[in-house]
Amino acid sequence: MSNKFKVGDKVVRLAGGNNSSGLHIGETYQVDRVKGIDIGVVGTPYLHSTMYFELALPQYPNPPHKHAELIIAWAQGATIQVYDALHGWYDRKQPSWFFDDSYRIKPTKSKETLQREEEIAKIKSAMEVQQKALTEQQEALDKLEEIE
């Protein structure tokens, strides 16, 4: 079985064993030795079982950006929309990522929605043609009525 840690890793003690080594639960330590499935940490001469440790996550001084997940999605190619009270949601190729603005990943349309929109466009187009013909017929009728 190989060791899940390597020299230089930062690890957190989770639990376990007697505390004669001076290591405290919840504290972070740096691995300085690896032997089989055991590790040694800076400041102690003892080897410790890896079952009592987990890799420490990096601690950043600031909280993540409010829009961090969306920024990552945008960097990976997602289309981002921003909300404007006058215009609603609209696409932004280069979002500003202002803290108080609302952003989202552009929703994708289902195949059924796209088919419905295409059918609506066809009906509207046919109605426009019929409206134009009706207008022309009304104008012709108005001219005939003027002659009388």
Protein backbone atom coordinates (compact mmCIF):
# COMPACT_ATOMS: atom_id res chain seq x y z
CA MET A 1 0.00 0.00 0.00
CA SER A 2 1.42 3.39 -0.94
CA ASN A 3 1.36 6.48 1.23
CA LYS A 4 -1.21 9.18 0.37
CA PHE A 5 1.15 11.93 1.56
CA LYS A 6 4.52 13.16 0.36
CA VAL A 7 7.30 15.19 1.96
CA GLY A 8 6.30 18.86 2.06
CA ASP A 9 2.53 18.24 2.31
CA LYS A 10 0.59 20.11 4.94
CA VAL A 11 -1.62 17.76 6.96
CA VAL A 12 -4.23 18.18 9.71
CA ARG A 13 -4.41 15.78 12.63
CA LEU A 14 -7.94 14.39 12.83
CA ALA A 15 -7.79 12.08 15.83
CA GLY A 16 -6.14 9.07 17.20
CA GLY A 17 -3.62 7.50 19.44
CA ASN A 18 -2.14 8.79 22.64
CA ASN A 19 -0.86 12.32 22.52
CA SER A 20 2.65 11.58 23.77
CA SER A 21 3.96 12.96 20.49
CA GLY A 22 2.65 16.43 21.32
CA LEU A 23 0.50 16.67 18.19
CA HIS A 24 -2.94 18.19 18.69
CA ILE A 25 -6.21 17.38 16.91
CA GLY A 26 -7.14 20.08 14.41
CA GLU A 27 -3.62 21.46 14.13
CA THR A 28 -1.74 21.65 10.81
CA TYR A 29 1.70 20.06 10.39
CA GLN A 30 4.20 19.67 7.56
CA VAL A 31 5.32 16.20 6.48
CA ASP A 32 9.10 15.78 6.62
CA ARG A 33 9.39 11.97 6.33
CA VAL A 34 7.44 9.17 4.67
CA LYS A 35 8.01 5.54 5.64
CA GLY A 36 5.59 2.93 4.37
CA ILE A 37 2.14 4.08 5.41
CA ASP A 38 3.47 6.29 8.21
CA ILE A 39 4.59 9.91 8.16
CA GLY A 40 6.83 12.09 10.24
CA VAL A 41 6.10 15.75 10.76
CA VAL A 42 8.36 18.71 11.39
CA GLY A 43 9.17 19.10 15.09
CA THR A 44 8.75 15.50 16.24
CA PRO A 45 11.03 12.46 16.00
CA TYR A 46 8.05 10.05 15.83
CA LEU A 47 6.30 8.37 12.91
CA HIS A 48 2.51 8.63 12.85
CA SER A 49 -0.15 6.56 11.12
CA THR A 50 -1.64 8.34 8.09
CA MET A 51 -5.10 7.22 9.22
CA TYR A 52 -5.02 10.06 11.77
CA PHE A 53 -4.34 12.79 9.19
CA GLU A 54 -5.84 14.40 6.12
CA LEU A 55 -4.36 16.78 3.57
CA ALA A 56 -4.86 20.38 4.69
CA LEU A 57 -6.66 22.62 2.24
CA PRO A 58 -4.93 25.91 1.49
CA GLN A 59 -6.22 28.77 3.60
CA TYR A 60 -6.58 31.99 1.65
CA PRO A 61 -6.65 35.33 3.49
CA ASN A 62 -9.81 36.52 1.68
CA PRO A 63 -13.16 34.84 1.07
CA PRO A 64 -13.85 33.77 -2.53
CA HIS A 65 -15.28 36.35 -4.94
CA LYS A 66 -19.09 36.55 -4.87
CA HIS A 67 -19.22 35.43 -8.51
CA ALA A 68 -16.28 32.94 -8.34
CA GLU A 69 -18.23 29.93 -9.66
CA LEU A 70 -19.62 31.95 -12.58
CA ILE A 71 -16.20 33.42 -13.37
CA ILE A 72 -14.79 29.89 -13.58
CA ALA A 73 -17.69 28.76 -15.80
CA TRP A 74 -17.14 31.81 -18.06
CA ALA A 75 -13.40 31.03 -18.28
CA GLN A 76 -14.36 27.51 -19.38
CA GLY A 77 -16.59 28.85 -22.18
CA ALA A 78 -20.05 29.36 -20.66
CA THR A 79 -22.15 32.25 -21.95
CA ILE A 80 -22.78 34.68 -19.11
CA GLN A 81 -25.79 36.96 -18.80
CA VAL A 82 -26.15 40.08 -16.63
CA TYR A 83 -29.45 41.44 -15.31
CA ASP A 84 -30.52 45.00 -16.02
CA ALA A 85 -33.81 46.36 -14.63
CA LEU A 86 -34.61 48.02 -17.98
CA HIS A 87 -33.61 45.20 -20.34
CA GLY A 88 -33.84 42.03 -18.24
CA TRP A 89 -31.21 39.33 -18.81
CA TYR A 90 -28.78 39.82 -21.70
CA ASP A 91 -25.51 38.23 -22.87
CA ARG A 92 -22.14 39.75 -21.90
CA LYS A 93 -19.01 38.63 -23.75
CA GLN A 94 -16.74 40.39 -21.21
CA PRO A 95 -18.60 40.57 -17.87
CA SER A 96 -17.43 43.25 -15.45
CA TRP A 97 -18.15 41.08 -12.39
CA PHE A 98 -19.36 44.01 -10.30
CA PHE A 99 -20.22 42.89 -6.79
CA ASP A 100 -23.77 44.28 -6.79
CA ASP A 101 -24.74 43.05 -10.29
CA SER A 102 -26.59 39.79 -10.89
CA TYR A 103 -25.04 37.29 -13.29
CA ARG A 104 -26.04 33.82 -14.48
CA ILE A 105 -25.08 31.16 -16.99
CA LYS A 106 -27.31 31.60 -20.03
CA PRO A 107 -30.06 28.99 -19.84
CA THR A 108 -30.09 26.48 -22.65
CA LYS A 109 -33.29 25.82 -24.57
CA SER A 110 -34.66 22.34 -24.98
CA LYS A 111 -35.29 20.85 -28.42
CA GLU A 112 -39.04 21.18 -27.81
CA THR A 113 -38.71 24.88 -26.95
CA LEU A 114 -36.67 25.54 -30.09
CA GLN A 115 -39.27 23.71 -32.24
CA ARG A 116 -42.09 25.68 -30.59
CA GLU A 117 -40.28 28.98 -31.21
CA GLU A 118 -39.74 28.03 -34.87
CA GLU A 119 -43.44 27.20 -35.27
CA ILE A 120 -44.44 30.49 -33.63
CA ALA A 121 -42.13 32.40 -36.00
CA LYS A 122 -43.73 30.66 -39.02
CA ILE A 123 -47.24 31.52 -37.81
CA LYS A 124 -46.26 35.14 -37.15
CA SER A 125 -44.72 35.39 -40.62
CA ALA A 126 -47.89 33.99 -42.22
CA MET A 127 -49.99 36.45 -40.19
CA GLU A 128 -47.85 39.36 -41.40
CA VAL A 129 -48.40 38.29 -45.03
CA GLN A 130 -52.16 38.01 -44.41
CA GLN A 131 -52.22 41.37 -42.59
CA LYS A 132 -50.45 43.01 -45.55
CA ALA A 133 -52.98 41.48 -47.98
CA LEU A 134 -55.86 42.62 -45.75
CA THR A 135 -54.44 46.16 -45.63
CA GLU A 136 -54.14 46.22 -49.43
CA GLN A 137 -57.73 44.98 -49.80
CA GLN A 138 -58.97 47.60 -47.30
CA GLU A 139 -57.19 50.35 -49.26
CA ALA A 140 -58.75 49.10 -52.52
CA LEU A 141 -62.19 49.05 -50.88
CA ASP A 142 -61.70 52.55 -49.47
CA LYS A 143 -60.85 53.86 -53.00
CA LEU A 144 -63.94 52.25 -54.47
CA GLU A 145 -66.13 53.76 -51.77
CA GLU A 146 -64.64 57.23 -52.42
CA ILE A 147 -65.77 57.09 -56.07
CA GLU A 148 -69.44 56.76 -55.17
